[in-house]
């Protein structure tokens, strides 16, 4: 409870938030068995706050990225995809959280699947963010699950990423 409360320290006491994040990092590193959903949810809520200082946002993203390899990864993916799909989430916050999809694509393809990446891309309004998902989501599946690329999925990919800079390279890899 004190750590979750410190995450929301106002900008006048941002150092308290930084200390809380350091404590969370120590817990994640030394005692991952102590990770609970309340703490994960508090980290996500703070990460989604548009007013976080840059260093706090970066620390939050690193901490959430660590969770990809833990037993709470399914919950983290559900929260992450929910935030990214939510129309109320501003583009800056999406940009901060989007690199976590790369972590999932690298470590937990079984959890997100190619359809998960494509569904997420369909919900993003920014062409640059969709291009990121092509580069770091779809391309990962080209190399680890090429059998997943059916005719229907290739049509979705063409619609979503046809104008992305790396689209032709992705097709060539495939």
Protein backbone atom coordinates (compact mmCIF):
# COMPACT_ATOMS: atom_id res chain seq x y z
CA UNK A 1 0.00 0.00 0.00
CA UNK A 2 2.76 2.56 0.78
CA UNK A 3 4.46 1.80 -2.54
CA UNK A 4 1.22 2.13 -4.51
CA UNK A 5 0.50 5.42 -2.73
CA UNK A 6 4.00 6.74 -3.45
CA UNK A 7 3.55 6.05 -7.16
CA UNK A 8 1.00 8.86 -7.20
CA UNK A 9 3.18 11.43 -5.46
CA UNK A 10 2.51 14.79 -7.07
CA UNK A 11 5.07 16.54 -9.24
CA UNK A 12 6.34 18.47 -6.21
CA UNK A 13 7.42 15.18 -4.64
CA UNK A 14 8.41 13.16 -7.74
CA UNK A 15 11.40 11.83 -5.82
CA UNK A 16 9.02 9.78 -3.67
CA UNK A 17 7.65 8.18 -6.84
CA UNK A 18 11.19 7.44 -8.06
CA UNK A 19 12.03 5.77 -4.74
CA UNK A 20 8.87 3.68 -4.95
CA UNK A 21 9.83 2.55 -8.45
CA UNK A 22 13.28 1.59 -7.20
CA UNK A 23 11.70 -0.45 -4.42
CA UNK A 24 9.43 -2.17 -6.95
CA UNK A 25 12.44 -2.96 -9.16
CA UNK A 26 14.21 -4.52 -6.19
CA UNK A 27 11.15 -6.63 -5.38
CA UNK A 28 10.77 -7.75 -8.99
CA UNK A 29 14.43 -8.69 -9.17
CA UNK A 30 14.86 -10.43 -5.83
CA UNK A 31 11.38 -11.74 -5.04
CA UNK A 32 9.26 -12.09 -8.18
CA UNK A 33 6.98 -14.36 -6.16
CA UNK A 34 5.79 -11.24 -4.31
CA UNK A 35 4.38 -9.62 -7.46
CA UNK A 36 0.66 -9.14 -7.02
CA UNK A 37 -2.05 -7.81 -9.30
CA UNK A 38 -2.70 -4.74 -7.17
CA UNK A 39 0.87 -3.59 -7.72
CA UNK A 40 0.76 -4.42 -11.43
CA UNK A 41 -2.48 -2.47 -11.81
CA UNK A 42 -1.00 0.49 -9.90
CA UNK A 43 2.01 0.50 -12.24
CA UNK A 44 -0.26 0.47 -15.28
CA UNK A 45 -2.46 3.22 -13.93
CA UNK A 46 0.60 5.38 -13.26
CA UNK A 47 2.09 4.56 -16.67
CA UNK A 48 -1.15 5.66 -18.32
CA UNK A 49 -1.09 9.02 -16.54
CA UNK A 50 -0.25 11.66 -19.11
CA UNK A 51 1.56 13.88 -16.61
CA UNK A 52 4.46 11.58 -15.67
CA UNK A 53 8.00 12.99 -15.94
CA UNK A 54 10.09 11.32 -18.65
CA UNK A 55 12.36 9.42 -16.26
CA UNK A 56 9.38 8.09 -14.32
CA UNK A 57 7.68 6.98 -17.55
CA UNK A 58 10.85 5.23 -18.70
CA UNK A 59 11.22 3.44 -15.34
CA UNK A 60 7.58 2.34 -15.44
CA UNK A 61 7.99 0.95 -18.96
CA UNK A 62 11.12 -0.98 -17.91
CA UNK A 63 9.34 -2.43 -14.88
CA UNK A 64 6.31 -3.47 -16.90
CA UNK A 65 8.65 -4.99 -19.50
CA UNK A 66 10.20 -7.17 -16.83
CA UNK A 67 6.80 -8.68 -16.07
CA UNK A 68 6.61 -10.22 -19.55
CA UNK A 69 8.66 -13.19 -18.32
CA UNK A 70 6.76 -13.72 -15.07
CA UNK A 71 3.59 -15.65 -14.24
CA UNK A 72 1.60 -12.39 -14.29
CA UNK A 73 2.34 -11.90 -18.01
CA UNK A 74 -1.22 -12.81 -19.14
CA UNK A 75 -2.64 -10.11 -16.86
CA UNK A 76 -0.01 -7.62 -18.06
CA UNK A 77 -0.89 -8.36 -21.71
CA UNK A 78 -4.60 -7.89 -21.00
CA UNK A 79 -3.96 -4.53 -19.33
CA UNK A 80 -1.49 -3.40 -22.00
CA UNK A 81 -3.70 -4.28 -24.94
CA UNK A 82 -6.64 -2.68 -23.16
CA UNK A 83 -4.77 0.59 -22.69
CA UNK A 84 -3.49 0.60 -26.26
CA UNK A 85 -6.93 -0.15 -27.72
CA UNK A 86 -8.74 2.40 -25.55
CA UNK A 87 -9.72 5.42 -27.66
CA UNK A 88 -9.39 7.64 -24.58
CA UNK A 89 -5.66 6.85 -24.27
CA UNK A 90 -3.73 9.75 -25.76
CA UNK A 91 -1.13 9.19 -28.46
CA UNK A 92 1.80 10.08 -26.17
CA UNK A 93 0.80 7.46 -23.61
CA UNK A 94 0.35 4.89 -26.37
CA UNK A 95 3.80 5.76 -27.65
CA UNK A 96 5.28 5.15 -24.20
CA UNK A 97 3.54 1.80 -23.76
CA UNK A 98 3.87 0.46 -27.31
CA UNK A 99 7.47 -0.81 -26.86
CA UNK A 100 6.06 -3.34 -24.41
CA UNK A 101 4.40 -5.10 -27.35
CA UNK A 102 7.90 -5.72 -28.69
CA UNK A 103 8.81 -7.39 -25.39
CA UNK A 104 5.80 -9.66 -25.68
CA UNK A 105 6.57 -10.46 -29.32
CA UNK A 106 10.14 -11.35 -28.37
CA UNK A 107 9.37 -13.40 -25.25
CA UNK A 108 5.73 -14.45 -25.26
CA UNK A 109 4.54 -15.03 -28.82
CA UNK A 110 2.40 -17.84 -27.42
CA UNK A 111 0.50 -15.32 -25.34
CA UNK A 112 -0.19 -12.60 -27.89
CA UNK A 113 -0.28 -14.44 -31.23
CA UNK A 114 -0.20 -12.89 -34.67
CA UNK A 115 -3.93 -12.14 -34.49
CA UNK A 116 -3.34 -10.25 -31.25
CA UNK A 117 -0.78 -8.01 -32.94
CA UNK A 118 -3.04 -7.48 -35.96
CA UNK A 119 -6.05 -6.70 -33.78
CA UNK A 120 -4.00 -4.21 -31.84
CA UNK A 121 -2.78 -2.58 -35.06
CA UNK A 122 -6.37 -2.23 -36.25
CA UNK A 123 -7.20 -0.23 -33.15
CA UNK A 124 -4.30 2.23 -33.37
CA UNK A 125 -5.03 5.54 -35.10
CA UNK A 126 -1.39 6.47 -35.73
CA UNK A 127 0.29 5.12 -38.91
CA UNK A 128 3.67 5.37 -37.15
CA UNK A 129 2.47 3.21 -34.28
CA UNK A 130 0.99 0.66 -36.69
CA UNK A 131 4.34 0.62 -38.53
CA UNK A 132 6.04 -0.10 -35.19
CA UNK A 133 3.81 -3.16 -34.80
CA UNK A 134 4.77 -4.35 -38.27
CA UNK A 135 8.48 -3.93 -37.51
CA UNK A 136 8.50 -5.44 -34.03
CA UNK A 137 5.37 -7.57 -33.87
CA UNK A 138 4.47 -9.02 -37.25
CA UNK A 139 8.08 -9.50 -38.37
CA UNK A 140 8.82 -11.53 -35.25
CA UNK A 141 6.13 -14.01 -36.30
CA UNK A 142 7.63 -14.23 -39.79
CA UNK A 143 10.67 -15.88 -38.22
CA UNK A 144 9.12 -17.83 -35.33
CA UNK A 145 5.75 -18.89 -36.82
CA UNK A 146 5.71 -18.50 -40.62
CA UNK A 147 2.88 -21.04 -40.83
CA UNK A 148 0.60 -18.47 -39.16
CA UNK A 149 0.52 -16.36 -42.33
CA UNK A 150 -2.62 -17.55 -44.06
CA UNK A 151 -4.24 -15.85 -47.02
CA UNK A 152 -6.72 -14.04 -44.78
CA UNK A 153 -4.00 -12.76 -42.48
CA UNK A 154 -1.91 -11.61 -45.43
CA UNK A 155 -4.90 -9.61 -46.66
CA UNK A 156 -5.26 -7.98 -43.22
CA UNK A 157 -1.54 -7.21 -43.20
CA UNK A 158 -1.75 -5.60 -46.64
CA UNK A 159 -4.66 -3.43 -45.49
CA UNK A 160 -2.99 -2.42 -42.24
CA UNK A 161 0.61 -2.01 -43.33
CA UNK A 162 0.61 -1.62 -47.12
CA UNK A 163 2.00 1.91 -46.83
CA UNK A 164 4.48 1.18 -44.01
CA UNK A 165 8.14 1.63 -44.97
CA UNK A 166 9.13 -1.96 -44.11
CA UNK A 167 6.08 -3.67 -45.59
CA UNK A 168 7.86 -4.95 -48.69
CA UNK A 169 10.77 -6.21 -46.60
CA UNK A 170 8.41 -8.11 -44.34
CA UNK A 171 6.86 -9.77 -47.38
CA UNK A 172 10.32 -10.60 -48.71
CA UNK A 173 11.30 -12.19 -45.41
CA UNK A 174 8.15 -14.25 -45.51
